[in-house]
Amino acid sequence: MTFVSKLRDRESLVGTWVALSDPAIAEISAQLAFDAVMIDAEHSTNSIETVTAMARAVDAADAATDPGTIVRLSENDPTEIKRTLDAGVDGVMAPMIDSAEDARNLVEATRYPPEGVRGVGYGRGTEYGEAFPEHLERANDETLALAQIETESGFENVEEIAAVDGLDGLFVGPADLSAALDLFGETDSDEFLEAVDRVLEAGHAVDKPVATLAFEEDEIERWVDRGFDFVLAGVDIDYLQRGGRRAKAAFEDAADRS
């Protein structure tokens, strides 16, 4: 089964988040046998060129699994969606989905006519035109579209957003959603957890997966126990920082004992 089909079946899945622009990081992430690699094109320096290079690196990795590649877009824009999907990724996640109309626009931009408005063009996704017939036949069914719930409007309209036909799932951005609810950083608070439960209930009521991002091990456990179907377990920048701090602390401890 592919990552997309597993996610739609609401299997328990784990991914990793890549913000740095070196394809080697995406390749290493894939080699670690995550179910998916999320490439960030919103809060990063990633361009369509680096996204394409990282998608190629994920596909080329010698991995125990066949990880999916998702791109978090900079905005819910049909041109950006078209170019990103042409890079040969499995799907996209759009930030700032505020309404059912936003979600419908996202879905339509990921689908070829007559179901949507995605333009037909050359790119990795079609093997540079060599696989046009096969690609067009299956792409509408196999392309993932996720909506990020991170604004007050998105939260208030989450049930209508989740119900949009063709939308594959929801994503809770803990930092942005907590900020939007005037609870920034208070992700342990009852009020925030109640908000999280509402998003989970909205997705699961229409049998759609709900995903989120976690950094620490206790966060991962908490979100899995809470009912999230797909957890992105850390960000490359954080891995680097934590590993560097541990190495520096180990040296300082050794130096103090010498």
C-alpha atoms as a PDB file:
ATOM      1  CA  MET A   1       0.000   0.000   0.000  1.00  0.00           C
ATOM      2  CA  THR A   2       1.111   3.566  -0.648  1.00  0.00           C
ATOM      3  CA  PHE A   3       1.425   6.229   2.016  1.00  0.00           C
ATOM      4  CA  VAL A   4      -1.616   8.016   0.604  1.00  0.00           C
ATOM      5  CA  SER A   5      -3.813   4.914   0.815  1.00  0.00           C
ATOM      6  CA  LYS A   6      -2.555   4.142   4.335  1.00  0.00           C
ATOM      7  CA  LEU A   7      -3.348   7.665   5.500  1.00  0.00           C
ATOM      8  CA  ARG A   8      -6.805   7.558   3.958  1.00  0.00           C
ATOM      9  CA  ASP A   9      -7.404   4.268   5.755  1.00  0.00           C
ATOM     10  CA  ARG A  10      -6.422   6.064   8.968  1.00  0.00           C
ATOM     11  CA  GLU A  11      -3.518   3.788   9.795  1.00  0.00           C
ATOM     12  CA  SER A  12      -1.242   5.057  12.558  1.00  0.00           C
ATOM     13  CA  LEU A  13       1.642   6.740  10.706  1.00  0.00           C
ATOM     14  CA  VAL A  14       4.789   8.681  11.585  1.00  0.00           C
ATOM     15  CA  GLY A  15       6.583  11.257   9.488  1.00  0.00           C
ATOM     16  CA  THR A  16       9.330  13.823   9.765  1.00  0.00           C
ATOM     17  CA  TRP A  17       9.466  17.509   8.859  1.00  0.00           C
ATOM     18  CA  VAL A  18      12.207  18.919   6.638  1.00  0.00           C
ATOM     19  CA  ALA A  19      12.778  22.681   6.581  1.00  0.00           C
ATOM     20  CA  LEU A  20      16.455  22.902   5.603  1.00  0.00           C
ATOM     21  CA  SER A  21      17.073  23.010   1.880  1.00  0.00           C
ATOM     22  CA  ASP A  22      19.701  20.319   1.332  1.00  0.00           C
ATOM     23  CA  PRO A  23      18.364  17.231  -0.520  1.00  0.00           C
ATOM     24  CA  ALA A  24      20.671  15.065   1.580  1.00  0.00           C
ATOM     25  CA  ILE A  25      18.490  15.803   4.617  1.00  0.00           C
ATOM     26  CA  ALA A  26      15.399  14.573   2.784  1.00  0.00           C
ATOM     27  CA  GLU A  27      17.303  11.486   1.654  1.00  0.00           C
ATOM     28  CA  ILE A  28      18.525  10.709   5.183  1.00  0.00           C
ATOM     29  CA  SER A  29      14.980  11.183   6.508  1.00  0.00           C
ATOM     30  CA  ALA A  30      13.675   8.695   3.966  1.00  0.00           C
ATOM     31  CA  GLN A  31      16.406   6.206   4.856  1.00  0.00           C
ATOM     32  CA  LEU A  32      15.195   6.285   8.482  1.00  0.00           C
ATOM     33  CA  ALA A  33      12.032   4.538   7.279  1.00  0.00           C
ATOM     34  CA  PHE A  34       9.527   7.229   8.195  1.00  0.00           C
ATOM     35  CA  ASP A  35       6.158   6.783   6.543  1.00  0.00           C
ATOM     36  CA  ALA A  36       6.380  10.251   5.040  1.00  0.00           C
ATOM     37  CA  VAL A  37       8.626  13.265   4.636  1.00  0.00           C
ATOM     38  CA  MET A  38       6.976  16.678   4.911  1.00  0.00           C
ATOM     39  CA  ILE A  39       8.902  19.367   3.028  1.00  0.00           C
ATOM     40  CA  ASP A  40       8.236  22.861   4.321  1.00  0.00           C
ATOM     41  CA  ALA A  41       7.904  25.523   1.629  1.00  0.00           C
ATOM     42  CA  GLU A  42       6.231  28.126   3.864  1.00  0.00           C
ATOM     43  CA  HIS A  43       8.623  28.949   6.711  1.00  0.00           C
ATOM     44  CA  SER A  44      11.827  28.044   4.895  1.00  0.00           C
ATOM     45  CA  THR A  45      14.050  29.064   1.986  1.00  0.00           C
ATOM     46  CA  ASN A  46      12.803  26.168  -0.129  1.00  0.00           C
ATOM     47  CA  SER A  47      11.942  26.993  -3.724  1.00  0.00           C
ATOM     48  CA  ILE A  48      10.356  24.840  -6.417  1.00  0.00           C
ATOM     49  CA  GLU A  49      13.906  23.837  -7.404  1.00  0.00           C
ATOM     50  CA  THR A  50      14.858  22.624  -3.931  1.00  0.00           C
ATOM     51  CA  VAL A  51      11.476  20.955  -3.442  1.00  0.00           C
ATOM     52  CA  THR A  52      12.021  19.044  -6.685  1.00  0.00           C
ATOM     53  CA  ALA A  53      15.546  18.042  -5.655  1.00  0.00           C
ATOM     54  CA  MET A  54      14.313  16.840  -2.260  1.00  0.00           C
ATOM     55  CA  ALA A  55      11.447  14.861  -3.802  1.00  0.00           C
ATOM     56  CA  ARG A  56      13.977  13.196  -6.088  1.00  0.00           C
ATOM     57  CA  ALA A  57      16.192  12.428  -3.063  1.00  0.00           C
ATOM     58  CA  VAL A  58      13.327  10.807  -1.160  1.00  0.00           C
ATOM     59  CA  ASP A  59      12.458   8.641  -4.146  1.00  0.00           C
ATOM     60  CA  ALA A  60      16.108   7.631  -4.596  1.00  0.00           C
ATOM     61  CA  ALA A  61      16.709   6.711  -0.945  1.00  0.00           C
ATOM     62  CA  ASP A  62      17.481   3.125  -0.041  1.00  0.00           C
ATOM     63  CA  ALA A  63      14.712   2.823   2.525  1.00  0.00           C
ATOM     64  CA  ALA A  64      12.906  -0.019   4.246  1.00  0.00           C
ATOM     65  CA  THR A  65       9.624   1.738   3.461  1.00  0.00           C
ATOM     66  CA  ASP A  66       8.381   3.692   0.452  1.00  0.00           C
ATOM     67  CA  PRO A  67       7.883   7.045   2.164  1.00  0.00           C
ATOM     68  CA  GLY A  68       5.382   9.534   0.865  1.00  0.00           C
ATOM     69  CA  THR A  69       6.459  13.079   0.036  1.00  0.00           C
ATOM     70  CA  ILE A  70       4.203  15.954   1.042  1.00  0.00           C
ATOM     71  CA  VAL A  71       4.887  19.660   0.620  1.00  0.00           C
ATOM     72  CA  ARG A  72       3.569  22.280   3.017  1.00  0.00           C
ATOM     73  CA  LEU A  73       2.818  25.132   0.626  1.00  0.00           C
ATOM     74  CA  SER A  74       3.522  28.791   1.223  1.00  0.00           C
ATOM     75  CA  GLU A  75      -0.121  29.562   0.447  1.00  0.00           C
ATOM     76  CA  ASN A  76      -3.282  28.028  -0.973  1.00  0.00           C
ATOM     77  CA  ASP A  77      -2.474  29.143  -4.499  1.00  0.00           C
ATOM     78  CA  PRO A  78      -3.416  27.093  -7.603  1.00  0.00           C
ATOM     79  CA  THR A  79      -0.262  28.039  -9.483  1.00  0.00           C
ATOM     80  CA  GLU A  80       1.984  26.994  -6.607  1.00  0.00           C
ATOM     81  CA  ILE A  81      -0.009  23.795  -6.175  1.00  0.00           C
ATOM     82  CA  LYS A  82       0.296  22.971  -9.876  1.00  0.00           C
ATOM     83  CA  ARG A  83       4.049  23.511  -9.951  1.00  0.00           C
ATOM     84  CA  THR A  84       4.567  21.588  -6.717  1.00  0.00           C
ATOM     85  CA  LEU A  85       2.598  18.562  -7.889  1.00  0.00           C
ATOM     86  CA  ASP A  86       4.419  18.646 -11.221  1.00  0.00           C
ATOM     87  CA  ALA A  87       7.594  18.084  -9.165  1.00  0.00           C
ATOM     88  CA  GLY A  88       6.347  14.558  -8.530  1.00  0.00           C
ATOM     89  CA  VAL A  89       5.294  14.663  -4.876  1.00  0.00           C
ATOM     90  CA  ASP A  90       2.430  12.664  -3.397  1.00  0.00           C
ATOM     91  CA  GLY A  91       0.454  15.613  -2.144  1.00  0.00           C
ATOM     92  CA  VAL A  92       0.297  19.043  -0.598  1.00  0.00           C
ATOM     93  CA  MET A  93      -0.782  20.655   2.636  1.00  0.00           C
ATOM     94  CA  ALA A  94      -2.129  24.188   2.465  1.00  0.00           C
ATOM     95  CA  PRO A  95      -1.814  26.622   5.383  1.00  0.00           C
ATOM     96  CA  MET A  96      -4.440  29.074   6.575  1.00  0.00           C
ATOM     97  CA  ILE A  97      -7.519  27.159   5.451  1.00  0.00           C
ATOM     98  CA  ASP A  98     -10.244  29.367   6.908  1.00  0.00           C
ATOM     99  CA  SER A  99     -13.426  28.056   5.296  1.00  0.00           C
ATOM    100  CA  ALA A 100     -15.034  25.282   3.299  1.00  0.00           C
ATOM    101  CA  GLU A 101     -14.561  27.445   0.213  1.00  0.00           C
ATOM    102  CA  ASP A 102     -10.803  27.552   0.862  1.00  0.00           C
ATOM    103  CA  ALA A 103     -10.801  23.765   1.187  1.00  0.00           C
ATOM    104  CA  ARG A 104     -12.764  23.320  -2.044  1.00  0.00           C
ATOM    105  CA  ASN A 105     -10.315  25.595  -3.848  1.00  0.00           C
ATOM    106  CA  LEU A 106      -7.445  23.476  -2.521  1.00  0.00           C
ATOM    107  CA  VAL A 107      -9.039  20.234  -3.706  1.00  0.00           C
ATOM    108  CA  GLU A 108      -9.881  21.658  -7.141  1.00  0.00           C
ATOM    109  CA  ALA A 109      -6.307  22.875  -7.614  1.00  0.00           C
ATOM    110  CA  THR A 110      -4.986  19.348  -7.000  1.00  0.00           C
ATOM    111  CA  ARG A 111      -7.354  17.703  -9.508  1.00  0.00           C
ATOM    112  CA  TYR A 112      -7.279  17.651 -13.290  1.00  0.00           C
ATOM    113  CA  PRO A 113     -10.471  18.570 -15.185  1.00  0.00           C
ATOM    114  CA  PRO A 114     -13.303  17.835 -15.087  1.00  0.00           C
ATOM    115  CA  GLU A 115     -12.972  17.349 -11.288  1.00  0.00           C
ATOM    116  CA  GLY A 116     -10.672  20.326 -10.859  1.00  0.00           C
ATOM    117  CA  VAL A 117      -8.604  23.056 -12.458  1.00  0.00           C
ATOM    118  CA  ARG A 118      -5.065  21.627 -12.397  1.00  0.00           C
ATOM    119  CA  GLY A 119      -3.255  22.323 -15.648  1.00  0.00           C
ATOM    120  CA  VAL A 120      -1.600  19.530 -17.605  1.00  0.00           C
ATOM    121  CA  GLY A 121       2.136  19.945 -18.129  1.00  0.00           C
ATOM    122  CA  TYR A 122       5.501  18.296 -18.228  1.00  0.00           C
ATOM    123  CA  GLY A 123       7.425  17.495 -15.045  1.00  0.00           C
ATOM    124  CA  ARG A 124       8.643  14.703 -12.795  1.00  0.00           C
ATOM    125  CA  GLY A 125       5.076  13.760 -11.989  1.00  0.00           C
ATOM    126  CA  THR A 126       4.477  12.694 -15.592  1.00  0.00           C
ATOM    127  CA  GLU A 127       8.008  11.393 -16.156  1.00  0.00           C
ATOM    128  CA  TYR A 128       8.501  14.531 -18.244  1.00  0.00           C
ATOM    129  CA  GLY A 129       5.566  13.665 -20.467  1.00  0.00           C
ATOM    130  CA  GLU A 130       6.435  10.014 -21.027  1.00  0.00           C
ATOM    131  CA  ALA A 131       3.685   8.805 -18.682  1.00  0.00           C
ATOM    132  CA  PHE A 132       0.927  11.270 -19.538  1.00  0.00           C
ATOM    133  CA  PRO A 133      -1.938   8.779 -20.147  1.00  0.00           C
ATOM    134  CA  GLU A 134      -1.200   6.671 -17.053  1.00  0.00           C
ATOM    135  CA  HIS A 135      -0.618   9.715 -14.872  1.00  0.00           C
ATOM    136  CA  LEU A 136      -3.819  11.481 -15.922  1.00  0.00           C
ATOM    137  CA  GLU A 137      -5.811   8.319 -15.352  1.00  0.00           C
ATOM    138  CA  ARG A 138      -4.741   7.869 -11.735  1.00  0.00           C
ATOM    139  CA  ALA A 139      -3.560  11.282 -10.465  1.00  0.00           C
ATOM    140  CA  ASN A 140      -6.945  12.568  -9.290  1.00  0.00           C
ATOM    141  CA  ASP A 141      -7.413   9.491  -7.105  1.00  0.00           C
ATOM    142  CA  GLU A 142      -3.853   9.328  -5.781  1.00  0.00           C
ATOM    143  CA  THR A 143      -3.016  12.961  -4.967  1.00  0.00           C
ATOM    144  CA  LEU A 144      -3.245  13.980  -1.321  1.00  0.00           C
ATOM    145  CA  ALA A 145      -4.780  17.278  -0.179  1.00  0.00           C
ATOM    146  CA  LEU A 146      -4.484  18.273   3.482  1.00  0.00           C
ATOM    147  CA  ALA A 147      -5.877  21.396   5.151  1.00  0.00           C
ATOM    148  CA  GLN A 148      -4.002  23.095   7.952  1.00  0.00           C
ATOM    149  CA  ILE A 149      -6.269  24.309  10.760  1.00  0.00           C
ATOM    150  CA  GLU A 150      -4.346  27.137  12.378  1.00  0.00           C
ATOM    151  CA  THR A 151      -6.546  30.238  12.437  1.00  0.00           C
ATOM    152  CA  GLU A 152      -9.549  31.262  14.501  1.00  0.00           C
ATOM    153  CA  SER A 153     -11.751  31.160  11.385  1.00  0.00           C
ATOM    154  CA  GLY A 154     -10.436  27.748  10.381  1.00  0.00           C
ATOM    155  CA  PHE A 155     -11.122  26.441  13.860  1.00  0.00           C
ATOM    156  CA  GLU A 156     -14.645  27.858  13.955  1.00  0.00           C
ATOM    157  CA  ASN A 157     -15.409  26.352  10.531  1.00  0.00           C
ATOM    158  CA  VAL A 158     -13.565  23.067  11.053  1.00  0.00           C
ATOM    159  CA  GLU A 159     -16.631  20.816  10.704  1.00  0.00           C
ATOM    160  CA  GLU A 160     -17.555  22.365   7.335  1.00  0.00           C
ATOM    161  CA  ILE A 161     -13.921  22.194   6.181  1.00  0.00           C
ATOM    162  CA  ALA A 162     -13.577  18.529   7.124  1.00  0.00           C
ATOM    163  CA  ALA A 163     -16.741  17.650   5.209  1.00  0.00           C
ATOM    164  CA  VAL A 164     -15.465  19.017   1.869  1.00  0.00           C
ATOM    165  CA  ASP A 165     -15.512  16.252  -0.711  1.00  0.00           C
ATOM    166  CA  GLY A 166     -12.033  15.279  -1.872  1.00  0.00           C
ATOM    167  CA  LEU A 167     -10.218  16.780   1.094  1.00  0.00           C
ATOM    168  CA  ASP A 168      -8.098  13.989   2.560  1.00  0.00           C
ATOM    169  CA  GLY A 169      -7.529  15.228   6.085  1.00  0.00           C
ATOM    170  CA  LEU A 170      -6.779  17.958   8.590  1.00  0.00           C
ATOM    171  CA  PHE A 171      -3.558  19.106  10.195  1.00  0.00           C
ATOM    172  CA  VAL A 172      -3.300  20.877  13.548  1.00  0.00           C
ATOM    173  CA  GLY A 173      -0.406  23.296  13.766  1.00  0.00           C
ATOM    174  CA  PRO A 174      -0.004  23.548  17.563  1.00  0.00           C
ATOM    175  CA  ALA A 175       1.966  26.808  17.554  1.00  0.00           C
ATOM    176  CA  ASP A 176      -0.269  28.666  15.102  1.00  0.00           C
ATOM    177  CA  LEU A 177      -3.559  27.347  16.455  1.00  0.00           C
ATOM    178  CA  SER A 178      -2.605  28.113  20.052  1.00  0.00           C
ATOM    179  CA  ALA A 179      -1.583  31.634  18.982  1.00  0.00           C
ATOM    180  CA  ALA A 180      -4.848  32.128  17.074  1.00  0.00           C
ATOM    181  CA  LEU A 181      -6.798  31.135  20.186  1.00  0.00           C
ATOM    182  CA  ASP A 182      -4.733  33.528  22.351  1.00  0.00           C
ATOM    183  CA  LEU A 183      -3.104  30.534  24.045  1.00  0.00           C
ATOM    184  CA  PHE A 184       0.333  30.653  22.451  1.00  0.00           C
ATOM    185  CA  GLY A 185       2.532  27.910  23.843  1.00  0.00           C
ATOM    186  CA  GLU A 186      -0.158  26.703  26.256  1.00  0.00           C
ATOM    187  CA  THR A 187      -0.532  23.371  24.480  1.00  0.00           C
ATOM    188  CA  ASP A 188      -1.023  21.552  27.789  1.00  0.00           C
ATOM    189  CA  SER A 189      -3.933  23.746  28.842  1.00  0.00           C
ATOM    190  CA  ASP A 190      -7.453  22.347  29.059  1.00  0.00           C
ATOM    191  CA  GLU A 191      -8.734  25.047  26.711  1.00  0.00           C
ATOM    192  CA  PHE A 192      -6.240  24.168  23.994  1.00  0.00           C
ATOM    193  CA  LEU A 193      -6.778  20.439  24.385  1.00  0.00           C
ATOM    194  CA  GLU A 194     -10.517  20.980  24.061  1.00  0.00           C
ATOM    195  CA  ALA A 195      -9.832  22.803  20.785  1.00  0.00           C
ATOM    196  CA  VAL A 196      -7.653  19.921  19.623  1.00  0.00           C
ATOM    197  CA  ASP A 197     -10.433  17.473  20.464  1.00  0.00           C
ATOM    198  CA  ARG A 198     -12.872  19.480  18.366  1.00  0.00           C
ATOM    199  CA  VAL A 199     -10.584  19.239  15.325  1.00  0.00           C
ATOM    200  CA  LEU A 200     -10.099  15.513  15.916  1.00  0.00           C
ATOM    201  CA  GLU A 201     -13.840  14.979  16.228  1.00  0.00           C
ATOM    202  CA  ALA A 202     -14.511  17.001  13.068  1.00  0.00           C
ATOM    203  CA  GLY A 203     -12.122  14.884  11.029  1.00  0.00           C
ATOM    204  CA  HIS A 204     -13.066  11.534  12.496  1.00  0.00           C
ATOM    205  CA  ALA A 205     -16.800  12.243  12.159  1.00  0.00           C
ATOM    206  CA  VAL A 206     -16.320  12.059   8.372  1.00  0.00           C
ATOM    207  CA  ASP A 207     -13.695   9.283   8.648  1.00  0.00           C
ATOM    208  CA  LYS A 208     -10.781  11.532   7.686  1.00  0.00           C
ATOM    209  CA  PRO A 209      -7.355  11.438   9.330  1.00  0.00           C
ATOM    210  CA  VAL A 210      -6.038  14.242  11.501  1.00  0.00           C
ATOM    211  CA  ALA A 211      -2.330  14.983  11.756  1.00  0.00           C
ATOM    212  CA  THR A 212      -0.084  17.168  13.891  1.00  0.00           C
ATOM    213  CA  LEU A 213       3.543  18.007  14.676  1.00  0.00           C
ATOM    214  CA  ALA A 214       5.423  17.007  17.825  1.00  0.00           C
ATOM    215  CA  PHE A 215       8.973  17.679  19.017  1.00  0.00           C
ATOM    216  CA  GLU A 216       9.616  15.872  22.293  1.00  0.00           C
ATOM    217  CA  GLU A 217       8.975  12.202  23.017  1.00  0.00           C
ATOM    218  CA  ASP A 218       6.259  13.000  25.564  1.00  0.00           C
ATOM    219  CA  GLU A 219       4.497  15.181  22.996  1.00  0.00           C
ATOM    220  CA  ILE A 220       4.530  12.334  20.491  1.00  0.00           C
ATOM    221  CA  GLU A 221       2.998   9.967  23.029  1.00  0.00           C
ATOM    222  CA  ARG A 222       0.393  12.529  24.076  1.00  0.00           C
ATOM    223  CA  TRP A 223      -0.807  13.224  20.525  1.00  0.00           C
ATOM    224  CA  VAL A 224      -0.934   9.533  19.617  1.00  0.00           C
ATOM    225  CA  ASP A 225      -2.927   8.830  22.793  1.00  0.00           C
ATOM    226  CA  ARG A 226      -5.177  11.780  21.978  1.00  0.00           C
ATOM    227  CA  GLY A 227      -6.213  10.136  18.716  1.00  0.00           C
ATOM    228  CA  PHE A 228      -4.070  11.694  15.995  1.00  0.00           C
ATOM    229  CA  ASP A 229      -3.673   9.375  13.031  1.00  0.00           C
ATOM    230  CA  PHE A 230      -0.457  10.861  11.625  1.00  0.00           C
ATOM    231  CA  VAL A 231       2.249  12.494  13.743  1.00  0.00           C
ATOM    232  CA  LEU A 232       5.219  14.335  12.332  1.00  0.00           C
ATOM    233  CA  ALA A 233       7.807  13.434  14.947  1.00  0.00           C
ATOM    234  CA  GLY A 234      10.221  16.322  14.873  1.00  0.00           C
ATOM    235  CA  VAL A 235      11.867  18.846  12.564  1.00  0.00           C
ATOM    236  CA  ASP A 236      15.327  18.644  11.032  1.00  0.00           C
ATOM    237  CA  ILE A 237      16.379  21.969  12.567  1.00  0.00           C
ATOM    238  CA  ASP A 238      15.399  20.739  16.032  1.00  0.00           C
ATOM    239  CA  TYR A 239      17.214  17.414  15.511  1.00  0.00           C
ATOM    240  CA  LEU A 240      20.376  19.353  14.675  1.00  0.00           C
ATOM    241  CA  GLN A 241      20.048  21.700  17.628  1.00  0.00           C
ATOM    242  CA  ARG A 242      19.346  18.951  20.149  1.00  0.00           C
ATOM    243  CA  GLY A 243      22.160  16.764  18.852  1.00  0.00           C
ATOM    244  CA  GLY A 244      24.556  19.700  18.983  1.00  0.00           C
ATOM    245  CA  ARG A 245      23.542  20.587  22.535  1.00  0.00           C
ATOM    246  CA  ARG A 246      24.029  16.987  23.687  1.00  0.00           C
ATOM    247  CA  ALA A 247      27.476  16.790  22.090  1.00  0.00           C
ATOM    248  CA  LYS A 248      28.531  20.120  23.601  1.00  0.00           C
ATOM    249  CA  ALA A 249      27.213  19.139  27.041  1.00  0.00           C
ATOM    250  CA  ALA A 250      29.072  15.811  26.860  1.00  0.00           C
ATOM    251  CA  PHE A 251      32.319  17.646  26.103  1.00  0.00           C
ATOM    252  CA  GLU A 252      31.797  20.138  28.915  1.00  0.00           C
ATOM    253  CA  ASP A 253      31.088  17.296  31.395  1.00  0.00           C
ATOM    254  CA  ALA A 254      34.236  15.479  30.283  1.00  0.00           C
ATOM    255  CA  ALA A 255      36.312  18.649  30.476  1.00  0.00           C
ATOM    256  CA  ASP A 256      35.067  19.377  34.006  1.00  0.00           C
ATOM    257  CA  ARG A 257      36.122  15.896  35.138  1.00  0.00           C
ATOM    258  CA  SER A 258      39.605  16.060  33.605  1.00  0.00           C
END
